[in-house]
């Protein structure tokens, strides 16, 4: 077993597309959340001159969280989305303490 050869090309070919250190899916989610935050906070912050907060701080914080989450496993958000969509909370989750797959 010690004669196995690791090929670095295999890992490079199986990684998802990355943009600025995060996957494209997370980047698009970040863009959508930033747009929604901008639209919601625009009316509240335009009078205080803090519109820059909604446009810069929200995406930077989200991107930093996504970047550090993607360092170890790039597909962490895809796996989480699959888990949430395939295994929703069942009505008696509080009693049993677990989920079940949908048939």
N, C-alpha and C. Protein backbone atom coordinates (compact mmCIF):
# COMPACT_ATOMS: atom_id res chain seq x y z
N UNK A 1 0.80 -1.19 0.00
CA UNK A 1 0.00 0.00 0.00
C UNK A 1 0.85 1.26 0.00
N UNK A 2 2.06 1.19 0.42
CA UNK A 2 2.90 2.38 0.46
C UNK A 2 3.40 2.78 -0.93
N UNK A 3 3.11 1.99 -1.93
CA UNK A 3 3.55 2.28 -3.29
C UNK A 3 2.54 3.13 -4.06
N UNK A 4 1.48 3.59 -3.40
CA UNK A 4 0.49 4.41 -4.08
C UNK A 4 1.09 5.77 -4.43
N UNK A 5 0.78 6.23 -5.61
CA UNK A 5 1.29 7.51 -6.09
C UNK A 5 0.12 8.49 -6.13
N UNK A 6 0.30 9.62 -5.50
CA UNK A 6 -0.73 10.66 -5.53
C UNK A 6 -0.48 11.58 -6.70
N UNK A 7 -1.51 11.83 -7.44
CA UNK A 7 -1.42 12.68 -8.60
C UNK A 7 -2.10 14.02 -8.29
N UNK A 8 -1.36 15.13 -8.26
CA UNK A 8 -1.98 16.42 -7.93
C UNK A 8 -2.96 16.91 -8.98
N UNK A 9 -2.90 16.38 -10.18
CA UNK A 9 -3.81 16.81 -11.23
C UNK A 9 -5.24 16.36 -10.91
N UNK A 10 -5.38 15.19 -10.27
CA UNK A 10 -6.72 14.68 -9.96
C UNK A 10 -7.48 15.64 -9.06
N UNK A 11 -6.85 16.15 -8.02
CA UNK A 11 -7.52 17.08 -7.12
C UNK A 11 -7.88 18.37 -7.83
N UNK A 12 -7.02 18.84 -8.68
CA UNK A 12 -7.28 20.08 -9.41
C UNK A 12 -8.46 19.91 -10.37
N UNK A 13 -8.61 18.74 -10.94
CA UNK A 13 -9.71 18.52 -11.88
C UNK A 13 -11.05 18.29 -11.19
N UNK A 14 -11.03 17.90 -9.95
CA UNK A 14 -12.28 17.61 -9.25
C UNK A 14 -12.75 18.77 -8.36
N UNK A 15 -11.98 19.82 -8.24
CA UNK A 15 -12.39 20.96 -7.43
C UNK A 15 -13.45 21.77 -8.17
N UNK A 16 -14.37 22.40 -7.45
CA UNK A 16 -15.36 23.25 -8.12
C UNK A 16 -14.72 24.56 -8.59
N UNK A 17 -15.45 25.27 -9.42
CA UNK A 17 -14.95 26.57 -9.88
C UNK A 17 -14.88 27.52 -8.70
N UNK A 18 -13.76 28.21 -8.59
CA UNK A 18 -13.56 29.14 -7.48
C UNK A 18 -13.41 30.56 -8.05
N UNK A 19 -13.90 31.52 -7.29
CA UNK A 19 -13.75 32.92 -7.65
C UNK A 19 -13.42 33.69 -6.38
N UNK A 20 -12.24 34.26 -6.32
CA UNK A 20 -11.76 35.01 -5.16
C UNK A 20 -11.77 34.16 -3.89
N UNK A 21 -11.48 32.88 -4.02
CA UNK A 21 -11.35 32.00 -2.87
C UNK A 21 -12.62 31.30 -2.43
N UNK A 22 -13.76 31.59 -3.04
CA UNK A 22 -15.02 30.93 -2.71
C UNK A 22 -15.59 30.31 -3.98
N UNK A 23 -16.52 29.37 -3.81
CA UNK A 23 -17.13 28.75 -4.98
C UNK A 23 -18.05 29.75 -5.67
N UNK A 24 -18.34 29.46 -6.92
CA UNK A 24 -19.21 30.36 -7.68
C UNK A 24 -20.61 30.41 -7.08
N UNK A 25 -21.10 29.28 -6.56
CA UNK A 25 -22.42 29.28 -5.93
C UNK A 25 -22.46 30.23 -4.74
N UNK A 26 -21.45 30.17 -3.88
CA UNK A 26 -21.42 31.05 -2.72
C UNK A 26 -21.25 32.50 -3.16
N UNK A 27 -20.47 32.74 -4.20
CA UNK A 27 -20.29 34.11 -4.68
C UNK A 27 -21.61 34.70 -5.16
N UNK A 28 -22.42 33.89 -5.85
CA UNK A 28 -23.72 34.36 -6.32
C UNK A 28 -24.66 34.60 -5.14
N UNK A 29 -24.63 33.71 -4.14
CA UNK A 29 -25.45 33.90 -2.94
C UNK A 29 -25.01 35.19 -2.22
N UNK A 30 -23.72 35.41 -2.14
CA UNK A 30 -23.18 36.64 -1.52
C UNK A 30 -23.68 37.87 -2.29
N UNK A 31 -23.67 37.80 -3.59
CA UNK A 31 -24.14 38.91 -4.41
C UNK A 31 -25.62 39.19 -4.17
N UNK A 32 -26.42 38.13 -4.07
CA UNK A 32 -27.85 38.31 -3.82
C UNK A 32 -28.12 38.89 -2.44
N UNK A 33 -27.42 38.39 -1.41
CA UNK A 33 -27.62 38.90 -0.05
C UNK A 33 -27.18 40.35 0.03
N UNK A 34 -26.10 40.69 -0.63
CA UNK A 34 -25.62 42.07 -0.63
C UNK A 34 -26.63 42.99 -1.31
N UNK A 35 -27.19 42.55 -2.41
CA UNK A 35 -28.19 43.36 -3.11
C UNK A 35 -29.42 43.57 -2.26
N UNK A 36 -29.89 42.50 -1.61
CA UNK A 36 -31.06 42.62 -0.74
C UNK A 36 -30.76 43.53 0.45
N UNK A 37 -29.59 43.39 1.05
CA UNK A 37 -29.21 44.26 2.17
C UNK A 37 -29.14 45.72 1.71
N UNK A 38 -28.62 45.94 0.51
CA UNK A 38 -28.54 47.30 -0.01
C UNK A 38 -29.94 47.89 -0.21
N UNK A 39 -30.85 47.08 -0.76
CA UNK A 39 -32.20 47.58 -1.00
C UNK A 39 -32.96 47.82 0.30
N UNK A 40 -32.76 46.96 1.30
CA UNK A 40 -33.45 47.13 2.57
C UNK A 40 -32.88 48.30 3.36
N UNK A 41 -31.56 48.38 3.43
CA UNK A 41 -30.92 49.39 4.27
C UNK A 41 -30.78 50.76 3.60
N UNK A 42 -31.10 50.84 2.32
CA UNK A 42 -30.93 52.10 1.60
C UNK A 42 -31.80 53.19 2.21
N UNK A 43 -33.04 52.89 2.48
CA UNK A 43 -33.93 53.91 3.03
C UNK A 43 -33.57 54.25 4.46
N UNK A 44 -33.07 53.28 5.22
CA UNK A 44 -32.75 53.53 6.62
C UNK A 44 -31.45 54.31 6.80
N UNK A 45 -30.48 54.04 5.95
CA UNK A 45 -29.16 54.61 6.16
C UNK A 45 -28.83 55.80 5.28
N UNK A 46 -29.67 56.11 4.31
CA UNK A 46 -29.33 57.20 3.40
C UNK A 46 -29.38 58.54 4.14
N UNK A 47 -30.22 58.64 5.16
CA UNK A 47 -30.29 59.90 5.90
C UNK A 47 -29.07 60.08 6.80
N UNK A 48 -28.47 58.99 7.24
CA UNK A 48 -27.30 59.07 8.12
C UNK A 48 -25.98 59.07 7.35
N UNK A 49 -26.03 58.85 6.08
CA UNK A 49 -24.80 58.79 5.30
C UNK A 49 -24.03 57.49 5.51
N UNK A 50 -24.68 56.46 6.02
CA UNK A 50 -24.02 55.17 6.27
C UNK A 50 -24.35 54.14 5.19
N UNK A 51 -24.66 54.61 4.01
CA UNK A 51 -24.97 53.69 2.92
C UNK A 51 -23.77 52.84 2.56
N UNK A 52 -22.59 53.33 2.84
CA UNK A 52 -21.36 52.58 2.59
C UNK A 52 -21.33 51.29 3.40
N UNK A 53 -21.93 51.27 4.56
CA UNK A 53 -21.98 50.07 5.40
C UNK A 53 -22.72 48.96 4.70
N UNK A 54 -23.86 49.28 4.12
CA UNK A 54 -24.67 48.27 3.45
C UNK A 54 -24.00 47.77 2.19
N UNK A 55 -23.18 48.60 1.57
CA UNK A 55 -22.60 48.24 0.28
C UNK A 55 -21.22 47.60 0.40
N UNK A 56 -20.49 47.84 1.48
CA UNK A 56 -19.15 47.28 1.62
C UNK A 56 -18.98 46.29 2.76
N UNK A 57 -19.54 46.57 3.92
CA UNK A 57 -19.30 45.73 5.08
C UNK A 57 -20.01 44.38 4.95
N UNK A 58 -21.26 44.38 4.50
CA UNK A 58 -22.02 43.13 4.38
C UNK A 58 -21.32 42.16 3.44
N UNK A 59 -20.93 42.55 2.22
CA UNK A 59 -20.27 41.57 1.36
C UNK A 59 -18.89 41.15 1.86
N UNK A 60 -18.16 42.05 2.50
CA UNK A 60 -16.84 41.68 3.00
C UNK A 60 -16.93 40.67 4.14
N UNK A 61 -17.89 40.86 5.04
CA UNK A 61 -18.07 39.91 6.14
C UNK A 61 -18.51 38.55 5.60
N UNK A 62 -19.48 38.56 4.68
CA UNK A 62 -19.94 37.28 4.10
C UNK A 62 -18.82 36.59 3.34
N UNK A 63 -18.05 37.34 2.57
CA UNK A 63 -16.98 36.74 1.78
C UNK A 63 -15.90 36.16 2.69
N UNK A 64 -15.59 36.85 3.77
CA UNK A 64 -14.59 36.33 4.72
C UNK A 64 -15.06 35.03 5.34
N UNK A 65 -16.32 34.96 5.74
CA UNK A 65 -16.86 33.72 6.30
C UNK A 65 -16.79 32.61 5.26
N UNK A 66 -17.18 32.90 4.03
CA UNK A 66 -17.14 31.89 2.97
C UNK A 66 -15.72 31.46 2.62
N UNK A 67 -14.81 32.41 2.65
CA UNK A 67 -13.41 32.08 2.31
C UNK A 67 -12.81 31.12 3.34
N UNK A 68 -12.97 31.43 4.62
CA UNK A 68 -12.40 30.57 5.65
C UNK A 68 -13.13 29.23 5.73
N UNK A 69 -14.41 29.21 5.39
CA UNK A 69 -15.14 27.94 5.36
C UNK A 69 -14.68 27.07 4.19
N UNK A 70 -14.31 27.69 3.08
CA UNK A 70 -13.94 26.94 1.89
C UNK A 70 -12.48 26.51 1.87
N UNK A 71 -11.68 26.94 2.82
CA UNK A 71 -10.26 26.57 2.82
C UNK A 71 -10.08 25.06 2.95
N UNK A 72 -10.80 24.46 3.87
CA UNK A 72 -10.63 23.02 4.10
C UNK A 72 -11.43 22.18 3.12
N UNK A 73 -12.70 22.52 2.92
CA UNK A 73 -13.58 21.79 2.00
C UNK A 73 -14.27 22.80 1.10
N UNK A 74 -13.88 22.86 -0.18
CA UNK A 74 -14.47 23.86 -1.08
C UNK A 74 -15.97 23.66 -1.32
N UNK A 75 -16.45 22.45 -1.18
CA UNK A 75 -17.86 22.17 -1.46
C UNK A 75 -18.74 22.23 -0.22
N UNK A 76 -18.31 22.90 0.83
CA UNK A 76 -19.04 22.90 2.10
C UNK A 76 -20.45 23.46 1.94
N UNK A 77 -20.63 24.49 1.16
CA UNK A 77 -21.95 25.09 1.01
C UNK A 77 -22.83 24.24 0.10
N UNK A 78 -22.26 23.61 -0.92
CA UNK A 78 -23.03 22.70 -1.77
C UNK A 78 -23.51 21.50 -0.97
N UNK A 79 -22.64 20.97 -0.11
CA UNK A 79 -23.03 19.85 0.74
C UNK A 79 -24.13 20.27 1.71
N UNK A 80 -24.02 21.45 2.28
CA UNK A 80 -25.04 21.92 3.21
C UNK A 80 -26.38 22.12 2.51
N UNK A 81 -26.36 22.70 1.30
CA UNK A 81 -27.60 22.91 0.55
C UNK A 81 -28.24 21.57 0.20
N UNK A 82 -27.44 20.58 -0.18
CA UNK A 82 -27.97 19.25 -0.47
C UNK A 82 -28.57 18.62 0.78
N UNK A 83 -27.90 18.76 1.90
CA UNK A 83 -28.42 18.19 3.15
C UNK A 83 -29.74 18.83 3.54
N UNK A 84 -29.83 20.14 3.43
CA UNK A 84 -31.06 20.83 3.81
C UNK A 84 -32.20 20.49 2.86
N UNK A 85 -31.91 20.35 1.58
CA UNK A 85 -32.99 20.08 0.62
C UNK A 85 -33.43 18.62 0.64
N UNK A 86 -32.53 17.69 0.95
CA UNK A 86 -32.88 16.26 0.94
C UNK A 86 -33.35 15.74 2.28
N UNK A 87 -33.05 16.44 3.34
CA UNK A 87 -33.35 15.94 4.68
C UNK A 87 -33.97 17.07 5.52
N UNK A 88 -35.23 17.42 5.24
CA UNK A 88 -35.85 18.51 6.00
C UNK A 88 -36.23 18.07 7.40
N UNK A 89 -36.55 19.03 8.25
CA UNK A 89 -36.98 18.73 9.61
C UNK A 89 -38.32 18.00 9.57
N UNK A 90 -38.44 16.95 10.35
CA UNK A 90 -39.70 16.23 10.45
C UNK A 90 -40.53 16.85 11.56
N UNK A 91 -41.85 16.64 11.54
CA UNK A 91 -42.70 17.29 12.55
C UNK A 91 -42.34 16.92 13.99
N UNK A 92 -41.90 15.69 14.23
CA UNK A 92 -41.58 15.29 15.60
C UNK A 92 -40.07 15.26 15.85
N UNK A 93 -39.35 16.23 15.30
CA UNK A 93 -37.90 16.31 15.47
C UNK A 93 -37.52 16.53 16.94
N UNK A 94 -38.28 17.35 17.63
CA UNK A 94 -37.95 17.63 19.04
C UNK A 94 -38.06 16.38 19.91
N UNK A 95 -38.99 15.48 19.56
CA UNK A 95 -39.15 14.27 20.36
C UNK A 95 -38.03 13.28 20.11
N UNK A 96 -37.70 13.03 18.82
CA UNK A 96 -36.71 12.00 18.46
C UNK A 96 -35.29 12.55 18.38
N UNK A 97 -35.16 13.84 18.05
CA UNK A 97 -33.84 14.44 17.98
C UNK A 97 -33.07 14.10 16.71
N UNK A 98 -33.79 13.73 15.64
CA UNK A 98 -33.11 13.41 14.38
C UNK A 98 -34.06 13.66 13.22
N UNK A 99 -33.51 13.67 12.02
CA UNK A 99 -34.29 13.84 10.79
C UNK A 99 -34.46 12.51 10.09
N UNK A 100 -35.26 12.53 9.06
CA UNK A 100 -35.39 11.34 8.21
C UNK A 100 -35.43 11.80 6.76
N UNK A 101 -35.03 10.93 5.87
CA UNK A 101 -35.04 11.27 4.46
C UNK A 101 -36.47 11.23 3.95
N UNK A 102 -36.76 12.09 2.97
CA UNK A 102 -38.09 12.07 2.38
C UNK A 102 -38.16 10.91 1.40
N UNK A 103 -39.29 10.21 1.34
CA UNK A 103 -39.38 9.05 0.43
C UNK A 103 -39.47 9.46 -1.01
